[in-house]
N, C-alpha and C. Protein backbone atom coordinates (compact mmCIF):
# COMPACT_ATOMS: atom_id res chain seq x y z
N UNK A 1 -4.27 -23.91 -1.07
CA UNK A 1 -4.05 -22.23 -1.40
C UNK A 1 -2.93 -21.88 -2.19
N UNK A 2 -2.20 -21.42 -2.93
CA UNK A 2 -1.12 -21.26 -3.40
C UNK A 2 -0.42 -20.21 -2.89
N UNK A 3 1.04 -20.25 -3.13
CA UNK A 3 2.43 -19.48 -2.67
C UNK A 3 1.59 -17.78 -2.32
N UNK A 4 3.19 -16.82 -1.70
CA UNK A 4 2.55 -15.78 -1.90
C UNK A 4 2.09 -15.14 -2.91
N UNK A 5 1.09 -14.92 -3.94
CA UNK A 5 1.22 -14.21 -5.06
C UNK A 5 -0.22 -14.05 -5.17
N UNK A 6 -0.36 -12.99 -5.93
CA UNK A 6 -1.60 -12.21 -6.45
C UNK A 6 -2.64 -13.56 -6.22
N UNK A 7 -2.94 -14.60 -7.15
CA UNK A 7 -3.67 -15.36 -7.10
C UNK A 7 -3.98 -15.96 -5.91
N UNK A 8 -2.71 -16.41 -4.77
CA UNK A 8 -3.16 -17.11 -3.39
C UNK A 8 -3.29 -15.78 -2.60
N UNK A 9 -3.15 -14.34 -2.98
CA UNK A 9 -4.18 -13.63 -1.96
C UNK A 9 -5.57 -13.47 -1.94
N UNK A 10 -5.95 -13.62 -3.16
CA UNK A 10 -7.28 -13.51 -3.75
C UNK A 10 -8.36 -14.42 -3.36
N UNK A 11 -7.10 -16.02 -3.47
CA UNK A 11 -8.09 -16.86 -2.74
C UNK A 11 -8.08 -17.37 -0.84
N UNK A 12 -7.18 -16.47 -0.79
CA UNK A 12 -6.70 -16.10 0.76
C UNK A 12 -8.31 -15.87 1.19
N UNK A 13 -8.59 -14.54 0.61
CA UNK A 13 -9.34 -13.10 0.91
C UNK A 13 -10.90 -14.45 0.91
N UNK A 14 -10.89 -14.73 -0.13
CA UNK A 14 -12.34 -16.09 -0.52
C UNK A 14 -12.34 -16.91 0.43
N UNK A 15 -11.38 -17.33 0.68
CA UNK A 15 -11.12 -18.56 2.34
C UNK A 15 -11.86 -17.91 3.58
N UNK A 16 -11.28 -16.53 3.25
CA UNK A 16 -11.39 -16.07 4.96
C UNK A 16 -12.92 -15.57 5.46
N UNK A 17 -13.68 -15.16 3.58
CA UNK A 17 -15.25 -14.75 3.65
C UNK A 17 -16.17 -16.04 3.76
N UNK A 18 -15.67 -17.10 2.88
CA UNK A 18 -16.07 -18.40 3.09
C UNK A 18 -16.17 -19.40 4.67
N UNK A 19 -15.65 -19.15 5.48
CA UNK A 19 -14.88 -19.34 6.31
C UNK A 19 -14.94 -18.77 8.24
N UNK A 20 -15.66 -17.60 8.10
CA UNK A 20 -16.32 -16.71 8.70
C UNK A 20 -14.87 -15.69 9.50
N UNK A 21 -14.07 -15.91 8.58
CA UNK A 21 -12.58 -15.48 9.40
C UNK A 21 -12.56 -13.75 9.25
N UNK A 22 -13.07 -13.60 8.24
CA UNK A 22 -13.37 -12.14 8.37
C UNK A 22 -15.42 -11.90 8.07
N UNK A 23 -15.56 -10.73 8.48
CA UNK A 23 -17.13 -10.49 8.17
C UNK A 23 -17.02 -10.08 6.54
N UNK A 24 -18.53 -10.47 5.52
CA UNK A 24 -18.68 -10.47 4.67
C UNK A 24 -17.94 -9.40 3.93
N UNK A 25 -18.57 -8.22 4.47
CA UNK A 25 -18.54 -6.72 3.86
C UNK A 25 -17.34 -6.77 4.06
N UNK A 26 -16.53 -6.55 4.49
CA UNK A 26 -15.16 -6.24 5.16
C UNK A 26 -14.21 -7.33 4.20
N UNK A 27 -14.36 -8.35 3.72
CA UNK A 27 -13.56 -9.17 3.07
C UNK A 27 -14.60 -8.80 1.26
N UNK A 28 -15.51 -8.37 1.17
CA UNK A 28 -15.77 -7.10 -0.46
C UNK A 28 -14.46 -6.17 0.13
N UNK A 29 -14.49 -5.64 0.51
CA UNK A 29 -14.14 -4.89 0.76
C UNK A 29 -12.27 -4.58 0.64
N UNK A 30 -12.19 -5.46 1.20
CA UNK A 30 -10.85 -6.16 0.59
C UNK A 30 -10.49 -6.50 -0.35
N UNK A 31 -11.13 -7.22 -1.09
CA UNK A 31 -11.09 -7.88 -2.53
C UNK A 31 -11.40 -6.51 -3.57
N UNK A 32 -12.09 -5.74 -3.82
CA UNK A 32 -12.43 -4.89 -4.16
C UNK A 32 -10.97 -4.06 -4.03
N UNK A 33 -10.53 -3.41 -3.01
CA UNK A 33 -9.17 -2.14 -2.67
C UNK A 33 -7.99 -3.55 -3.49
N UNK A 34 -7.76 -4.48 -3.20
CA UNK A 34 -6.04 -5.57 -3.58
C UNK A 34 -6.70 -5.87 -5.03
N UNK A 35 -7.94 -5.88 -5.62
CA UNK A 35 -8.04 -5.71 -7.42
C UNK A 35 -7.53 -4.96 -8.17
N UNK A 36 -8.39 -3.68 -7.36
CA UNK A 36 -8.05 -2.62 -7.78
C UNK A 36 -6.15 -2.08 -7.69
N UNK A 37 -5.46 -2.16 -7.06
CA UNK A 37 -3.98 -1.65 -6.07
C UNK A 37 -3.33 -2.67 -7.07
N UNK A 38 -3.43 -3.78 -7.04
CA UNK A 38 -2.70 -4.68 -7.48
C UNK A 38 -2.63 -5.36 -9.11
N UNK A 39 -3.75 -4.40 -9.86
CA UNK A 39 -4.08 -4.44 -11.22
C UNK A 39 -2.72 -4.79 -12.09
N UNK A 40 -1.37 -4.35 -11.47
CA UNK A 40 -0.64 -4.66 -12.67
C UNK A 40 0.30 -5.61 -12.12
N UNK A 41 -0.19 -6.38 -11.45
CA UNK A 41 0.32 -7.95 -10.74
C UNK A 41 -0.17 -8.55 -11.84
N UNK A 42 0.48 -9.85 -11.88
CA UNK A 42 0.13 -11.23 -12.54
C UNK A 42 -0.37 -11.74 -11.72
N UNK A 43 -1.04 -12.99 -11.90
CA UNK A 43 -1.77 -14.48 -10.78
C UNK A 43 -0.38 -14.61 -10.09
N UNK A 44 0.29 -15.06 -11.00
CA UNK A 44 1.79 -16.25 -10.44
C UNK A 44 3.04 -14.60 -9.82
N UNK A 45 2.75 -13.70 -9.64
CA UNK A 45 3.97 -12.74 -9.38
C UNK A 45 3.89 -13.00 -8.17
N UNK A 46 5.52 -12.78 -7.40
CA UNK A 46 5.50 -12.84 -6.02
C UNK A 46 5.21 -11.37 -5.43
N UNK A 47 4.43 -11.49 -3.70
CA UNK A 47 4.06 -10.27 -3.48
C UNK A 47 4.73 -10.29 -2.34
N UNK A 48 5.91 -11.07 -2.31
CA UNK A 48 7.06 -10.32 -0.76
C UNK A 48 7.59 -8.70 -1.38
N UNK A 49 8.01 -8.42 -0.12
CA UNK A 49 8.10 -6.99 -0.55
C UNK A 49 7.50 -6.06 -0.79
N UNK A 50 6.19 -6.34 -1.56
CA UNK A 50 5.72 -5.24 -2.10
C UNK A 50 5.45 -3.82 -1.85
N UNK A 51 5.73 -2.40 -2.49
CA UNK A 51 5.64 -1.27 -1.84
C UNK A 51 4.14 -0.88 -2.05
N UNK A 52 3.35 -1.09 -1.41
CA UNK A 52 2.07 -0.48 -1.24
C UNK A 52 1.22 1.08 -1.72
N UNK A 53 2.45 1.25 -0.85
CA UNK A 53 2.18 3.06 -0.88
C UNK A 53 2.62 3.43 -3.14
N UNK A 54 3.49 3.01 -3.07
CA UNK A 54 3.64 2.94 -4.95
C UNK A 54 3.02 2.43 -5.53
N UNK A 55 1.95 1.17 -5.44
CA UNK A 55 1.16 1.15 -5.81
C UNK A 55 0.13 1.42 -6.67
N UNK A 56 -0.29 2.22 -4.94
CA UNK A 56 -1.36 2.91 -5.06
C UNK A 56 -1.11 3.85 -5.71
N UNK A 57 0.12 4.66 -5.71
CA UNK A 57 0.64 6.08 -6.77
C UNK A 57 0.55 5.23 -8.26
N UNK A 58 1.06 4.09 -8.22
CA UNK A 58 0.54 4.41 -9.40
C UNK A 58 -0.80 3.81 -10.53
N UNK A 59 -1.60 3.51 -9.39
CA UNK A 59 -3.30 3.14 -9.58
C UNK A 59 -4.23 4.16 -9.80
N UNK A 60 -3.33 5.14 -9.11
CA UNK A 60 -3.87 6.74 -9.23
C UNK A 60 -3.26 7.32 -10.52
N UNK A 61 -1.73 6.95 -10.78
CA UNK A 61 -1.11 7.75 -12.31
C UNK A 61 -2.25 7.13 -13.74
N UNK A 62 -2.75 5.96 -13.33
CA UNK A 62 -3.79 5.21 -14.67
C UNK A 62 -5.31 5.79 -14.21
N UNK A 63 -5.14 5.95 -12.99
CA UNK A 63 -6.66 6.42 -13.25
C UNK A 63 -6.70 7.57 -12.52
N UNK A 64 -6.16 8.60 -13.20
CA UNK A 64 -6.01 9.81 -12.27
C UNK A 64 -7.74 10.66 -11.95
N UNK A 65 -8.10 10.76 -11.12
CA UNK A 65 -9.19 11.58 -10.35
C UNK A 65 -10.31 10.00 -10.15
N UNK A 66 -10.06 8.67 -10.69
CA UNK A 66 -10.97 8.07 -9.97
C UNK A 66 -11.48 7.72 -8.81
N UNK A 67 -10.31 7.85 -8.30
CA UNK A 67 -10.59 7.96 -6.61
C UNK A 67 -10.00 9.28 -5.73
N UNK A 68 -11.24 9.41 -4.87
CA UNK A 68 -10.92 10.72 -4.12
C UNK A 68 -9.30 10.19 -3.18
N UNK A 69 -8.52 11.03 -2.51
CA UNK A 69 -7.45 10.82 -1.80
C UNK A 69 -7.75 10.28 -0.75
N UNK A 70 -9.44 10.28 -0.16
CA UNK A 70 -9.30 9.47 0.95
C UNK A 70 -10.01 7.88 0.51
N UNK A 71 -10.46 7.98 -0.66
CA UNK A 71 -10.66 6.36 -0.98
C UNK A 71 -9.07 5.57 -0.98
N UNK A 72 -8.25 6.24 -1.94
CA UNK A 72 -7.13 6.18 -1.87
C UNK A 72 -6.41 5.73 -0.45
N UNK A 73 -6.33 6.13 0.20
CA UNK A 73 -5.41 5.98 1.43
C UNK A 73 -6.99 4.84 2.48
N UNK A 74 -7.62 4.91 2.17
CA UNK A 74 -8.79 3.30 2.71
C UNK A 74 -8.11 1.85 1.93
N UNK A 75 -8.13 2.07 0.44
CA UNK A 75 -7.74 1.19 -0.38
C UNK A 75 -6.54 1.01 0.39
N UNK A 76 -5.51 1.96 0.25
CA UNK A 76 -3.74 1.11 1.04
C UNK A 76 -4.03 0.78 2.33
N UNK A 77 -4.79 1.25 2.69
CA UNK A 77 -4.88 0.10 4.39
C UNK A 77 -5.40 -0.58 4.38
N UNK A 78 -6.43 -0.99 3.46
CA UNK A 78 -6.92 -2.36 2.99
C UNK A 78 -5.85 -3.08 2.46
N UNK A 79 -5.21 -3.09 1.51
CA UNK A 79 -3.91 -3.65 0.87
C UNK A 79 -3.60 -4.02 2.34
N UNK A 80 -2.47 -3.28 2.41
CA UNK A 80 -1.90 -3.37 3.32
C UNK A 80 -2.26 -4.60 4.64
N UNK A 81 -3.57 -4.66 5.30
CA UNK A 81 -4.19 -5.71 5.85
C UNK A 81 -4.23 -6.89 5.43
N UNK A 82 -4.48 -6.95 4.34
CA UNK A 82 -4.62 -7.66 3.64
C UNK A 82 -3.79 -8.66 3.30
N UNK A 83 -2.26 -7.88 2.92
CA UNK A 83 -0.53 -8.34 3.10
C UNK A 83 -0.37 -9.00 4.20
N UNK A 84 -0.92 -7.92 5.13
CA UNK A 84 -0.22 -8.76 6.82
C UNK A 84 -0.77 -10.21 7.09
N UNK A 85 -2.17 -10.09 6.92
CA UNK A 85 -2.97 -11.10 7.72
C UNK A 85 -2.45 -12.71 6.07
N UNK A 86 -2.46 -12.26 5.35
CA UNK A 86 -2.00 -13.19 3.98
C UNK A 86 -0.59 -13.74 4.62
N UNK A 87 0.12 -13.64 4.83
CA UNK A 87 1.52 -13.10 5.33
C UNK A 87 1.47 -14.00 6.59
N UNK A 88 0.74 -13.70 7.72
CA UNK A 88 0.52 -14.51 9.01
C UNK A 88 -0.48 -15.96 9.16
N UNK A 89 -1.03 -16.31 7.47
CA UNK A 89 -1.57 -17.61 7.41
C UNK A 89 -0.57 -17.97 6.60
N UNK A 90 -0.06 -17.60 5.69
CA UNK A 90 0.70 -18.60 4.66
C UNK A 90 2.48 -19.02 6.09
N UNK A 91 2.62 -18.23 7.18
CA UNK A 91 3.80 -18.45 8.20
C UNK A 91 2.52 -19.86 9.20
N UNK A 92 1.85 -19.38 9.22
CA UNK A 92 1.55 -20.81 10.25
C UNK A 92 -0.45 -20.75 9.75
N UNK A 93 -0.75 -21.67 8.71
CA UNK A 93 -1.77 -21.99 8.75
C UNK A 93 -2.72 -22.56 9.51
N UNK A 94 -2.12 -23.20 10.41
CA UNK A 94 -3.06 -24.04 11.32
C UNK A 94 -3.21 -23.35 12.60
N UNK A 95 -2.39 -22.14 12.89
CA UNK A 95 -3.00 -21.87 14.09
C UNK A 95 -3.76 -20.39 13.59
N UNK A 96 -4.13 -19.77 12.13
CA UNK A 96 -4.61 -18.38 11.72
C UNK A 96 -5.99 -18.43 12.12
N UNK A 97 -5.91 -17.39 12.90
CA UNK A 97 -7.33 -17.31 13.43
C UNK A 97 -8.29 -15.95 12.69
N UNK A 98 -7.45 -15.47 11.81
CA UNK A 98 -8.38 -14.34 11.18
C UNK A 98 -8.86 -12.84 12.43
N UNK A 99 -9.15 -11.78 11.26
CA UNK A 99 -9.49 -10.75 12.74
C UNK A 99 -10.42 -10.93 13.00
N UNK A 100 -11.50 -11.61 12.81
CA UNK A 100 -12.41 -11.53 13.36
C UNK A 100 -12.42 -11.90 15.28
N UNK A 101 -11.27 -12.34 15.15
CA UNK A 101 -11.24 -13.01 16.46
C UNK A 101 -10.55 -12.21 17.72
N UNK A 102 -11.84 -11.34 18.39
CA UNK A 102 -10.73 -11.02 19.14
C UNK A 102 -10.95 -10.94 20.67
N UNK A 103 -10.06 -10.85 21.31
CA UNK A 103 -9.90 -11.63 23.11
C UNK A 103 -10.73 -10.82 23.74
N UNK A 104 -11.75 -11.26 24.60
CA UNK A 104 -12.82 -10.43 25.60
C UNK A 104 -11.89 -10.64 26.74
N UNK A 105 -12.42 -9.18 27.67
CA UNK A 105 -11.94 -9.32 29.06
C UNK A 105 -13.63 -10.53 29.88
N UNK A 106 -12.62 -10.58 31.40
CA UNK A 106 -13.77 -11.08 32.15
C UNK A 106 -15.05 -10.03 32.25
N UNK A 107 -15.03 -9.12 31.63
CA UNK A 107 -16.53 -8.32 31.66
C UNK A 107 -17.07 -8.38 30.77
N UNK A 108 -16.80 -9.17 29.49
CA UNK A 108 -17.44 -9.41 28.00
C UNK A 108 -17.25 -8.06 27.08
N UNK A 109 -16.31 -7.13 27.39
CA UNK A 109 -15.65 -5.80 26.89
C UNK A 109 -14.40 -6.14 26.31
N UNK A 110 -14.54 -5.77 24.58
CA UNK A 110 -12.70 -6.18 24.68
C UNK A 110 -11.63 -5.64 25.14
N UNK A 111 -10.12 -6.77 25.07
CA UNK A 111 -9.41 -5.94 26.34
C UNK A 111 -8.17 -5.19 25.52
N UNK A 112 -9.03 -5.11 24.05
CA UNK A 112 -7.56 -4.20 23.31
C UNK A 112 -8.73 -2.85 23.13
N UNK A 113 -7.32 -1.81 22.79
CA UNK A 113 -8.59 -0.72 22.10
C UNK A 113 -9.42 -0.64 21.50
N UNK A 114 -10.74 0.60 20.92
CA UNK A 114 -11.05 0.26 20.16
C UNK A 114 -10.35 0.83 19.00
N UNK A 115 -10.44 -0.47 18.08
CA UNK A 115 -9.81 -0.07 16.57
C UNK A 115 -10.04 -0.79 15.72
N UNK A 116 -9.88 -0.39 14.47
CA UNK A 116 -10.19 -1.37 13.35
C UNK A 116 -8.86 -1.83 13.16
N UNK A 117 -8.90 -3.10 12.11
CA UNK A 117 -7.86 -4.17 11.79
C UNK A 117 -6.56 -3.50 11.01
N UNK A 118 -7.73 -2.53 10.56
CA UNK A 118 -6.90 -1.15 9.44
C UNK A 118 -6.31 -0.36 10.32
N UNK A 119 -5.93 -0.23 11.45
CA UNK A 119 -4.60 0.71 11.94
C UNK A 119 -4.13 -0.23 12.72
N UNK A 120 -3.72 -1.30 12.05
CA UNK A 120 -2.43 -1.86 13.23
C UNK A 120 -1.17 -1.01 12.88
N UNK A 121 -0.45 -1.22 14.16
CA UNK A 121 1.00 -0.12 13.29
C UNK A 121 1.57 -0.25 12.74
N UNK A 122 2.28 -1.34 12.57
CA UNK A 122 2.83 -1.84 11.17
C UNK A 122 2.44 -3.25 10.67
N UNK A 123 2.45 -2.72 9.20
CA UNK A 123 1.77 -4.41 8.47
C UNK A 123 3.25 -4.51 7.64
N UNK A 124 3.34 -5.86 8.31
CA UNK A 124 4.57 -6.43 7.33
C UNK A 124 4.10 -7.40 6.16
N UNK A 125 5.14 -7.50 5.54
CA UNK A 125 4.75 -8.77 4.44
C UNK A 125 6.29 -9.67 4.82
N UNK A 126 6.26 -10.54 4.87
CA UNK A 126 7.60 -11.42 5.48
C UNK A 126 8.53 -10.52 6.75
N UNK A 127 9.36 -10.00 6.48
CA UNK A 127 10.16 -9.33 7.72
C UNK A 127 9.96 -7.77 7.38
N UNK A 128 9.66 -7.62 6.05
CA UNK A 128 10.30 -6.16 5.45
C UNK A 128 8.33 -5.42 5.89
N UNK A 129 8.92 -4.19 6.88
CA UNK A 129 8.00 -3.46 7.68
C UNK A 129 7.74 -2.61 5.84
N UNK A 130 5.86 -2.16 5.76
CA UNK A 130 5.95 -1.52 4.94
C UNK A 130 5.69 -0.23 5.01
N UNK A 131 4.42 0.31 5.49
CA UNK A 131 4.14 1.52 6.20
C UNK A 131 3.23 1.89 7.33
N UNK A 132 3.79 2.56 7.88
CA UNK A 132 3.23 2.93 9.45
C UNK A 132 1.81 3.50 9.59
N UNK A 133 0.95 2.24 9.68
CA UNK A 133 0.03 2.70 9.14
C UNK A 133 -1.35 3.36 10.53
N UNK A 134 -0.92 3.82 11.29
CA UNK A 134 -1.42 4.61 12.02
C UNK A 134 -1.16 5.93 11.68
N UNK A 135 -0.44 6.69 11.14
CA UNK A 135 -0.74 7.89 10.63
C UNK A 135 -0.17 8.20 9.24
N UNK A 136 -1.04 7.70 8.61
CA UNK A 136 -1.26 7.34 6.87
C UNK A 136 -0.59 8.58 6.00
N UNK A 137 0.38 7.86 5.28
CA UNK A 137 0.28 9.55 4.03
C UNK A 137 -0.45 9.61 3.55
N UNK A 138 -0.70 11.05 3.18
CA UNK A 138 -2.03 11.76 2.82
C UNK A 138 -1.75 11.67 0.83
N UNK A 139 -2.06 10.90 0.17
CA UNK A 139 -2.28 11.19 -1.34
C UNK A 139 -2.46 12.58 -1.53
N UNK A 140 -2.02 13.47 -1.93
CA UNK A 140 -2.23 14.88 -2.15
C UNK A 140 -2.79 14.86 -3.66
N UNK A 141 -3.46 16.22 -3.48
CA UNK A 141 -4.64 16.25 -4.78
C UNK A 141 -3.93 16.85 -5.87
N UNK A 142 -2.52 16.95 -5.35
CA UNK A 142 -1.73 17.88 -6.56
C UNK A 142 -2.03 17.04 -7.77
N UNK A 143 -2.02 15.63 -7.75
CA UNK A 143 -2.40 14.89 -9.24
C UNK A 143 -3.59 15.10 -9.63
N UNK A 144 -3.39 15.82 -11.01
CA UNK A 144 -5.12 16.29 -12.17
C UNK A 144 -4.74 15.56 -12.98
N UNK A 145 -5.80 15.66 -13.68
CA UNK A 145 -5.61 15.05 -15.26
C UNK A 145 -4.48 15.19 -15.97
N UNK A 146 -3.86 16.42 -15.70
CA UNK A 146 -2.58 17.27 -16.51
C UNK A 146 -1.23 16.62 -15.66
N UNK A 147 -1.69 16.18 -14.42
CA UNK A 147 -0.31 15.75 -13.64
C UNK A 147 -0.20 14.35 -13.92
N UNK A 148 1.05 13.77 -12.76
CA UNK A 148 1.45 12.72 -12.75
C UNK A 148 2.37 12.81 -11.57
N UNK A 149 1.88 11.85 -10.61
CA UNK A 149 2.98 11.43 -9.56
C UNK A 149 4.10 10.53 -9.64
N UNK A 150 5.43 10.48 -9.92
CA UNK A 150 6.13 9.17 -9.76
C UNK A 150 6.90 8.70 -9.08
N UNK A 151 6.64 7.89 -8.55
CA UNK A 151 7.52 7.54 -7.13
C UNK A 151 9.26 6.81 -8.37
N UNK A 152 10.08 6.73 -7.53
CA UNK A 152 11.68 6.68 -7.88
C UNK A 152 11.87 6.29 -6.29
N UNK A 153 12.47 4.52 -6.81
CA UNK A 153 13.23 4.43 -5.17
C UNK A 153 14.56 4.58 -5.71
N UNK A 154 14.90 5.52 -4.90
CA UNK A 154 16.02 6.48 -5.23
C UNK A 154 17.40 5.26 -4.10
N UNK A 155 17.14 4.66 -2.91
CA UNK A 155 17.81 4.29 -2.51
C UNK A 155 17.08 2.69 -1.46
N UNK A 156 17.38 2.13 -1.27
CA UNK A 156 16.61 1.04 -0.63
C UNK A 156 15.81 1.77 0.50
N UNK A 157 14.70 1.67 1.03
CA UNK A 157 13.48 1.89 1.93
C UNK A 157 13.62 3.20 1.99
N UNK A 158 13.81 3.63 0.57
CA UNK A 158 13.74 5.15 0.63
C UNK A 158 13.33 5.77 -1.04
N UNK A 159 11.83 6.04 -1.23
CA UNK A 159 11.24 6.67 -2.44
C UNK A 159 10.92 7.79 -2.72
N UNK A 160 11.61 8.25 -3.47
CA UNK A 160 11.31 9.94 -3.72
C UNK A 160 10.36 9.85 -5.26
N UNK A 161 9.28 10.91 -4.63
CA UNK A 161 8.06 11.10 -5.38
C UNK A 161 8.48 13.02 -6.13
N UNK A 162 8.06 12.43 -7.39
CA UNK A 162 8.09 14.37 -7.66
C UNK A 162 6.63 14.10 -8.83
N UNK A 163 5.88 15.01 -8.73
CA UNK A 163 4.68 15.66 -9.48
C UNK A 163 4.95 15.95 -10.73
N UNK A 164 5.10 15.34 -11.98
CA UNK A 164 5.57 16.38 -13.03
C UNK A 164 4.16 16.79 -14.05
N UNK A 165 4.35 17.47 -14.96
CA UNK A 165 3.02 17.16 -16.04
C UNK A 165 3.17 16.63 -16.82
N UNK A 166 1.82 16.15 -17.67
CA UNK A 166 1.93 14.53 -18.24
C UNK A 166 2.72 14.99 -19.90
N UNK A 167 2.73 16.08 -20.04
CA UNK A 167 3.31 16.50 -21.39
C UNK A 167 4.92 17.43 -21.23
N UNK A 168 5.50 16.89 -20.22
CA UNK A 168 7.02 17.34 -19.90
C UNK A 168 7.46 17.18 -21.15
N UNK A 169 8.48 18.41 -20.93
CA UNK A 169 9.42 18.68 -22.24
C UNK A 169 10.68 18.27 -22.07
N UNK A 170 11.59 18.29 -23.15
CA UNK A 170 12.71 18.03 -22.93
C UNK A 170 13.69 18.92 -21.90
N UNK A 171 13.54 20.71 -22.42
CA UNK A 171 14.05 21.90 -21.75
C UNK A 171 13.46 21.87 -20.33
N UNK A 172 12.31 21.32 -19.83
CA UNK A 172 11.18 21.49 -18.61
C UNK A 172 12.74 20.11 -17.83
N UNK A 173 12.84 19.09 -18.41
CA UNK A 173 13.47 18.01 -17.98
C UNK A 173 14.78 18.23 -17.38
N UNK A 174 15.47 18.89 -18.31
CA UNK A 174 16.63 19.57 -18.28
C UNK A 174 16.50 20.65 -16.82
N UNK A 175 16.26 21.62 -17.14
CA UNK A 175 16.00 22.62 -15.74
C UNK A 175 15.42 21.57 -14.46
N UNK A 176 14.85 20.70 -14.47
CA UNK A 176 14.43 19.94 -13.26
C UNK A 176 15.52 18.52 -12.74
N UNK A 177 16.41 18.41 -13.87
CA UNK A 177 17.66 17.69 -13.18
C UNK A 177 18.79 18.35 -12.32
N UNK A 178 19.05 20.19 -13.57
CA UNK A 178 19.69 20.43 -12.60
C UNK A 178 19.14 20.83 -11.26
N UNK A 179 17.92 21.28 -11.35
CA UNK A 179 17.87 21.95 -9.43
C UNK A 179 18.06 20.72 -8.90
N UNK A 180 17.77 18.95 -9.09
CA UNK A 180 17.72 18.01 -8.45
C UNK A 180 19.08 18.31 -8.11
N UNK A 181 20.17 18.06 -8.98
CA UNK A 181 21.29 18.33 -8.89
C UNK A 181 22.38 19.07 -7.83
N UNK A 182 21.40 20.61 -7.97
CA UNK A 182 21.71 21.32 -7.13
C UNK A 182 21.37 20.87 -5.70
N UNK A 183 20.54 19.87 -5.73
CA UNK A 183 19.96 19.96 -4.08
C UNK A 183 21.34 19.01 -3.37
N UNK A 184 22.26 18.04 -4.15
CA UNK A 184 22.82 17.08 -3.85
C UNK A 184 23.95 17.15 -2.66
N UNK A 185 24.37 16.68 -1.88
CA UNK A 185 24.97 17.30 -0.96
C UNK A 185 26.65 17.54 -1.28
N UNK A 186 26.61 16.80 -2.20
CA UNK A 186 28.37 17.07 -3.17
C UNK A 186 28.06 17.66 -4.13
N UNK A 187 27.16 18.72 -3.71
CA UNK A 187 27.16 19.46 -5.09
C UNK A 187 28.34 20.67 -5.19
N UNK A 188 29.04 21.26 -6.34
CA UNK A 188 29.94 22.11 -6.49
C UNK A 188 29.38 23.32 -5.34
N UNK A 189 29.86 24.27 -4.59
CA UNK A 189 29.97 25.44 -4.05
C UNK A 189 30.23 26.49 -4.87
N UNK A 190 29.84 27.58 -5.58
CA UNK A 190 30.03 28.23 -6.13
C UNK A 190 31.30 29.17 -5.40
N UNK A 191 32.29 29.84 -5.76
CA UNK A 191 33.18 30.27 -4.75
C UNK A 191 33.15 32.03 -5.17
N UNK A 192 33.05 32.90 -4.07
CA UNK A 192 32.97 33.93 -4.58
C UNK A 192 34.05 35.02 -4.73
């Protein structure tokens, strides 16, 4: 299996399905979501530190209205889970058990709360936490055929997002820049 790349992740999904480490329907869902959301990555691109939420937004901007907000949310959860499980596998392929292996208590019932693998608290890739999937961020329906949601990495661990019209004019962009500058902590205060 390849390193922590897009093609390696796809091979990992196929491996999990073939070896029964994941239900084939679940694996098919993983593959569909991963292929769509990660379409902007080449087969050999490193996936370490990928911001899945930004990739979901980029996908929606490339294909506005193709997926509903609920579907985008489910795809985000699936991609996060694939990356989390792939990271576990890459870190220790000899001890990886897959998600279908759940410990059972003595009475035969699962010892964990009933939850899907997609509701894990924090998905990690390497050591960087990506998104808290317990309370998923909703992709708003404000993005339409005439608008774009633009993510902007403002600082480490902070992604600013703005929804703009697809046909933004220079005058509108200038007004928006002035508005954002007025929001800064060190903006000059008008004296009276």
